[in-house]
Protein backbone atom coordinates (compact mmCIF):
# COMPACT_ATOMS: atom_id res chain seq x y z
CA MET A 1 21.32 -4.41 -2.01
CA SER A 2 19.30 -7.56 -0.84
CA VAL A 3 20.25 -11.07 -0.01
CA HIS A 4 18.44 -14.40 -0.62
CA GLY A 5 15.09 -14.09 1.26
CA PRO A 6 11.53 -13.08 0.69
CA MET A 7 10.40 -10.10 -1.44
CA VAL A 8 8.76 -7.68 0.89
CA LYS A 9 5.71 -6.12 -0.78
CA ILE A 10 4.45 -2.89 0.86
CA HIS A 11 0.94 -1.40 0.35
CA PRO A 12 0.61 2.51 0.22
CA VAL A 13 -1.72 2.56 3.29
CA VAL A 14 1.22 1.23 5.52
CA LEU A 15 3.44 4.15 4.62
CA ALA A 16 0.78 6.51 5.11
CA SER A 17 -0.02 5.19 8.65
CA ILE A 18 3.59 5.27 9.46
CA THR A 19 4.06 8.89 8.22
CA ASP A 20 0.85 9.94 10.05
CA ALA A 21 2.18 8.24 13.31
CA TYR A 22 5.47 10.04 13.09
CA GLU A 23 3.63 13.68 12.62
CA ARG A 24 1.41 12.77 15.75
CA ARG A 25 4.43 11.51 17.94
CA ASN A 26 4.70 12.77 21.47
CA GLU A 27 6.81 15.88 22.14
CA GLY A 28 10.56 14.99 22.38
CA ALA A 29 10.14 11.53 20.63
CA SER A 30 12.90 10.86 18.13
CA ARG A 31 10.98 7.98 16.44
CA VAL A 32 7.99 5.91 16.47
CA ILE A 33 7.68 2.11 16.16
CA GLY A 34 4.85 -0.31 15.52
CA THR A 35 3.37 -3.61 14.37
CA LEU A 36 3.38 -4.82 10.85
CA LEU A 37 0.51 -6.89 9.84
CA GLY A 38 0.10 -8.74 6.50
CA THR A 39 0.57 -12.23 4.97
CA ILE A 40 3.28 -14.60 4.30
CA ASP A 41 3.92 -17.40 1.61
CA LYS A 42 6.98 -19.10 0.35
CA GLN A 43 8.62 -16.15 -1.70
CA THR A 44 6.82 -12.89 -0.45
CA VAL A 45 5.87 -11.14 2.57
CA GLU A 46 3.00 -8.47 1.95
CA VAL A 47 2.49 -5.85 4.23
CA THR A 48 -1.09 -4.64 4.25
CA ASN A 49 -1.64 -2.91 7.61
CA CYS A 50 0.20 -1.56 10.63
CA PHE A 51 -0.63 0.24 13.81
CA SER A 52 1.87 2.19 16.15
CA VAL A 53 2.99 0.98 19.72
CA PRO A 54 3.62 3.60 22.47
CA HIS A 55 7.10 3.37 23.68
CA ASN A 56 9.69 5.43 25.65
CA GLU A 57 13.15 5.52 24.66
CA SER A 58 16.53 6.84 26.06
CA GLU A 59 20.14 6.32 25.64
CA ASP A 60 20.28 3.55 28.21
CA GLU A 61 17.17 1.84 27.90
CA VAL A 62 13.74 1.29 25.95
CA ALA A 63 10.35 0.55 27.21
CA VAL A 64 7.62 -0.73 24.90
CA ASP A 65 3.86 -1.12 25.86
CA MET A 66 3.60 -4.65 25.04
CA GLU A 67 0.03 -4.85 26.63
CA PHE A 68 -1.26 -2.28 24.11
CA ALA A 69 0.31 -3.96 21.11
CA LYS A 70 -1.36 -7.34 22.04
CA ASN A 71 -4.95 -5.74 22.59
CA MET A 72 -4.41 -3.79 19.13
CA TYR A 73 -3.59 -7.22 17.32
CA GLU A 74 -6.76 -8.77 19.03
CA LEU A 75 -8.89 -5.89 17.75
CA HIS A 76 -7.28 -6.24 14.35
CA LYS A 77 -8.08 -9.89 14.18
CA LYS A 78 -11.72 -9.30 14.47
CA VAL A 79 -11.69 -7.14 11.42
CA SER A 80 -9.07 -9.16 9.34
CA PRO A 81 -8.41 -12.56 10.47
CA SER A 82 -6.16 -13.20 7.71
CA GLU A 83 -3.60 -10.64 8.85
CA VAL A 84 -1.03 -11.80 10.96
CA ILE A 85 1.78 -10.12 12.75
CA ILE A 86 4.93 -10.29 10.41
CA GLY A 87 7.32 -7.85 11.94
CA TRP A 88 7.68 -4.32 13.08
CA TYR A 89 8.54 -0.87 11.83
CA ALA A 90 10.61 2.17 13.12
CA THR A 91 11.14 5.56 11.74
CA GLY A 92 14.52 6.65 11.19
CA TYR A 93 17.57 5.68 8.89
CA ASP A 94 19.67 3.48 10.87
CA ILE A 95 19.34 0.51 13.11
CA THR A 96 20.14 1.11 16.72
CA GLU A 97 20.97 -0.96 19.82
CA HIS A 98 17.44 -0.74 20.75
CA SER A 99 16.25 -2.19 17.72
CA VAL A 100 17.77 -5.53 18.67
CA LEU A 101 15.78 -5.84 21.88
CA ILE A 102 12.61 -4.63 20.23
CA HIS A 103 13.11 -7.46 17.47
CA GLU A 104 13.75 -10.02 20.10
CA TYR A 105 10.01 -9.42 21.25
CA TYR A 106 8.54 -9.64 17.76
CA SER A 107 10.64 -12.83 17.47
CA ARG A 108 8.27 -14.48 19.95
CA GLU A 109 5.28 -13.18 18.04
CA ALA A 110 6.24 -14.28 14.58
CA GLN A 111 8.51 -16.68 13.06
CA ASN A 112 11.60 -14.70 11.45
CA PRO A 113 9.90 -11.36 11.53
CA ILE A 114 10.97 -8.55 9.38
CA HIS A 115 12.07 -5.07 10.53
CA LEU A 116 11.12 -2.12 8.41
CA THR A 117 12.75 1.33 8.63
CA VAL A 118 11.12 4.54 7.19
CA ASP A 119 13.34 7.66 7.00
CA THR A 120 10.71 9.93 7.71
CA ALA A 121 13.00 12.62 8.44
CA LEU A 122 14.40 12.61 4.86
CA GLN A 123 17.92 12.54 5.83
CA SER A 124 19.05 11.56 2.56
CA GLY A 125 16.77 13.90 0.70
CA LYS A 126 14.28 11.25 0.23
CA MET A 127 12.08 8.88 2.02
CA ASN A 128 14.27 5.78 2.08
CA ILE A 129 12.28 2.56 3.10
CA ARG A 130 14.44 -0.65 3.91
CA ALA A 131 13.50 -3.99 5.06
CA TYR A 132 15.67 -6.45 7.00
CA VAL A 133 15.44 -9.92 8.57
CA SER A 134 17.72 -10.95 11.65
CA ALA A 135 20.27 -13.57 11.50
CA GLN A 136 22.30 -14.99 14.42
CA MET A 137 26.02 -14.65 14.29
CA GLY A 138 29.09 -15.68 16.58
CA VAL A 139 30.96 -18.72 17.69
CA PRO A 140 29.09 -21.60 18.98
CA GLY A 141 28.87 -21.71 22.73
CA LYS A 142 29.93 -18.07 22.90
CA THR A 143 28.02 -14.94 23.06
CA VAL A 144 25.77 -14.83 20.06
CA GLY A 145 24.98 -11.51 18.11
CA VAL A 146 22.37 -10.53 15.72
CA MET A 147 22.98 -9.21 12.34
CA PHE A 148 20.11 -7.40 10.26
CA THR A 149 20.55 -8.36 6.34
CA PRO A 150 18.60 -6.27 3.80
CA LEU A 151 15.72 -7.49 1.67
CA SER A 152 14.37 -6.58 -1.50
CA VAL A 153 11.31 -4.14 -1.27
CA LYS A 154 8.49 -3.59 -3.91
CA TYR A 155 5.58 -1.15 -3.56
CA ILE A 156 2.22 -2.59 -4.69
CA TYR A 157 -1.50 -1.77 -4.36
CA TYR A 158 -5.15 -2.81 -4.74
CA ASP A 159 -7.30 -1.40 -7.50
CA THR A 160 -9.07 0.59 -4.74
CA GLU A 161 -5.98 2.13 -3.44
CA ARG A 162 -5.13 3.51 -6.88
CA ILE A 163 -7.68 6.38 -6.58
CA GLY A 164 -5.98 7.71 -3.48
CA ILE A 165 -2.43 7.42 -5.05
CA ASP A 166 -3.52 9.19 -8.27
CA LEU A 167 -5.10 12.15 -6.05
CA LEU A 168 -1.57 12.13 -4.10
CA GLN A 169 0.25 12.44 -7.31
CA ARG A 170 -1.99 15.50 -8.53
CA THR A 171 -1.07 17.39 -5.51
CA ARG A 172 2.40 17.54 -6.62
CA ALA A 173 1.48 19.91 -9.29
CA SER A 174 -0.50 22.02 -7.08
CA PRO A 175 0.90 25.27 -5.60
CA SER A 176 -1.02 24.69 -2.49
CA ARG A 177 -0.36 21.07 -2.29
CA THR A 178 -4.25 20.28 -2.24
CA ASP A 179 -6.51 18.87 -4.51
CA GLY A 180 -10.15 17.78 -4.54
CA LEU A 181 -11.95 14.54 -5.48
CA THR A 182 -13.04 14.18 -9.09
CA SER A 183 -16.51 13.17 -10.15
CA ASP A 184 -17.28 9.68 -11.25
CA LEU A 185 -17.59 10.81 -14.67
CA CYS A 186 -14.13 12.58 -14.92
CA GLN A 187 -12.81 9.32 -13.32
CA VAL A 188 -14.23 7.28 -16.26
CA GLY A 189 -13.16 9.93 -18.85
CA GLY A 190 -9.64 9.69 -17.36
CA ALA A 191 -9.62 6.02 -17.41
CA ALA A 192 -10.71 5.74 -21.11
CA ALA A 193 -8.19 8.15 -21.85
CA ARG A 194 -5.38 6.13 -20.41
CA THR A 195 -6.64 3.05 -21.95
CA GLN A 196 -6.63 4.60 -25.29
CA GLU A 197 -3.12 6.04 -24.80
CA MET A 198 -1.96 2.55 -23.82
CA LEU A 199 -3.69 0.85 -26.98
CA SER A 200 -1.94 3.37 -28.93
CA THR A 201 1.59 2.49 -27.51
CA VAL A 202 0.72 -1.30 -28.24
CA LEU A 203 -0.44 -0.39 -31.92
CA ALA A 204 2.71 1.50 -32.53
CA TYR A 205 4.99 -1.30 -31.06
CA ILE A 206 3.12 -3.90 -33.29
CA GLU A 207 3.50 -1.81 -36.48
CA ASP A 208 7.12 -1.29 -35.49
CA VAL A 209 7.94 -5.11 -35.27
CA LEU A 210 5.96 -5.78 -38.54
CA SER A 211 7.97 -3.06 -40.51
CA GLY A 212 11.12 -4.57 -39.00
CA LYS A 213 12.01 -1.47 -37.03
CA VAL A 214 12.01 -3.39 -33.62
CA THR A 215 13.11 -6.90 -32.93
CA ALA A 216 10.11 -8.91 -31.85
CA ASP A 217 10.07 -10.00 -28.21
CA ASN A 218 8.34 -13.26 -27.23
CA SER A 219 7.50 -12.45 -23.85
CA VAL A 220 5.75 -9.22 -25.02
CA GLY A 221 3.97 -11.38 -27.60
CA ARG A 222 2.61 -13.72 -25.16
CA PHE A 223 1.33 -10.94 -22.87
CA LEU A 224 -0.42 -9.42 -26.08
CA MET A 225 -1.98 -12.70 -26.76
CA ASP A 226 -3.18 -13.17 -23.45
CA LEU A 227 -4.64 -9.59 -23.50
CA VAL A 228 -6.58 -10.45 -26.94
CA ASN A 229 -7.89 -13.68 -25.33
CA LYS A 230 -9.29 -11.86 -22.47
CA VAL A 231 -11.41 -9.64 -24.46
CA PRO A 232 -15.05 -10.92 -24.31
CA LYS A 233 -16.46 -11.99 -27.83
CA ILE A 234 -19.86 -10.22 -27.69
CA PRO A 235 -22.03 -9.19 -30.51
CA VAL A 236 -22.19 -5.51 -30.97
CA GLU A 237 -26.17 -5.18 -30.48
CA ASP A 238 -25.72 -7.29 -27.21
CA PHE A 239 -22.78 -5.08 -26.03
CA GLU A 240 -24.86 -1.81 -26.68
CA THR A 241 -27.87 -3.42 -24.96
CA MET A 242 -25.94 -4.19 -21.89
CA LEU A 243 -24.29 -0.75 -21.81
CA ASN A 244 -27.60 1.07 -22.14
CA SER A 245 -29.11 -1.05 -19.46
CA ASN A 246 -26.21 -0.25 -17.00
CA ILE A 247 -26.51 3.34 -17.78
CA ASN A 248 -30.34 3.52 -17.14
CA ASP A 249 -29.75 1.78 -13.82
CA LEU A 250 -27.03 4.33 -12.87
CA LEU A 251 -29.26 7.07 -13.82
CA MET A 252 -32.07 5.61 -11.79
CA VAL A 253 -29.78 5.39 -8.59
CA THR A 254 -28.53 8.90 -9.15
CA TYR A 255 -32.21 10.17 -9.50
CA LEU A 256 -33.36 8.26 -6.20
CA SER A 257 -30.33 9.46 -4.56
CA ASN A 258 -31.20 13.01 -5.29
CA LEU A 259 -34.85 12.61 -4.50
CA THR A 260 -33.87 11.16 -1.04
CA GLN A 261 -31.57 14.13 -0.24
CA ALA A 262 -34.46 16.66 -1.33
CA GLN A 263 -36.76 14.78 0.77
CA ILE A 264 -34.19 14.94 3.98
CA ALA A 265 -33.60 18.47 3.53
CA LEU A 266 -37.40 19.43 3.23
CA ASN A 267 -38.21 17.43 6.16
CA GLU A 268 -35.32 19.25 8.24
CA LYS A 269 -36.91 22.44 7.25
CA LEU A 270 -40.44 21.48 8.21
CA VAL A 271 -39.09 20.30 11.63
CA ILE A 272 -37.31 23.73 12.11
CA MET A 273 -40.47 25.67 11.26
C-alpha cells in the first residue's frame, strides 16, 4: 500500500550493493545501514547508488559513524556530481525505534529523505523491499512523534544493467547457481531472437484486430505508430553498405586485438628466456 507521494525507482546495482553489505556485515551485527544516492524530481525519486555506513546498535542505543558517511559522500561527488543524498536504507523487515534517530540525521542532510527497508533475511519467504517517508504527528505544543508512511516502489534499469540482470536470471536454472558470460555473437543472436519474437507477437495482435477477434486499443495503436515512425527509412543498398562497413571495422578491431595479445605473449616468453 502507498500514499500520495513520489514514486521510488530503484536500480538493481543498489539492491546488489545492499545484499553484499549484509553478507559482509560484522559478526554479531543484526542489520546494516547505509546512504542512498540518486536524483529527485517532482514525481519520482530515483535511487542509482548507495554505500554502507558503519554503526553499532544495541537495545538501548545506536551509534553511527557520521564522519565516515560524510567522507564517502564527498568521494562519490567527485565521481558522480549529479547524485545527491536522498535517504538511507536498512536491512530488515520492520522499522525500529532506532530508525527514528537515524532518520533525524538524514533529515538534516536531505529534504524529506526516504527510508528503504530490504528484507535480506527473507523472513516472509522473499526479499520484501519497501520505501517510506516520514511525517510528524501529534498535538501542537505537545510531544511530536514521527510516522513512516509507505511509498510506491518500482524497479528500473539502464540498458547496460540489463546484461547483468539477464545473467542472474540464467543462474536460476543452473544447479550450481553459476553461469558464464556469453560471447558478443551469442548476445547479438539472443537479441535478434527476442526482437523476432516480439515482432511475431505484434503481428499476431494486428491480425486479430483486423479479423475482429480482438477489440482495438487506441493506446496500443499509438505505440505501434510511434514504433513504425522511429524505423529509419534507408534504401536497401545503403543499409547493406553500412552493415558491411561496420562488420569490416569490427573484424579489423578484433584482428588487431588478437595481434596485440600475441605480441605481448611473445614478448613475455622472450623476457623469460
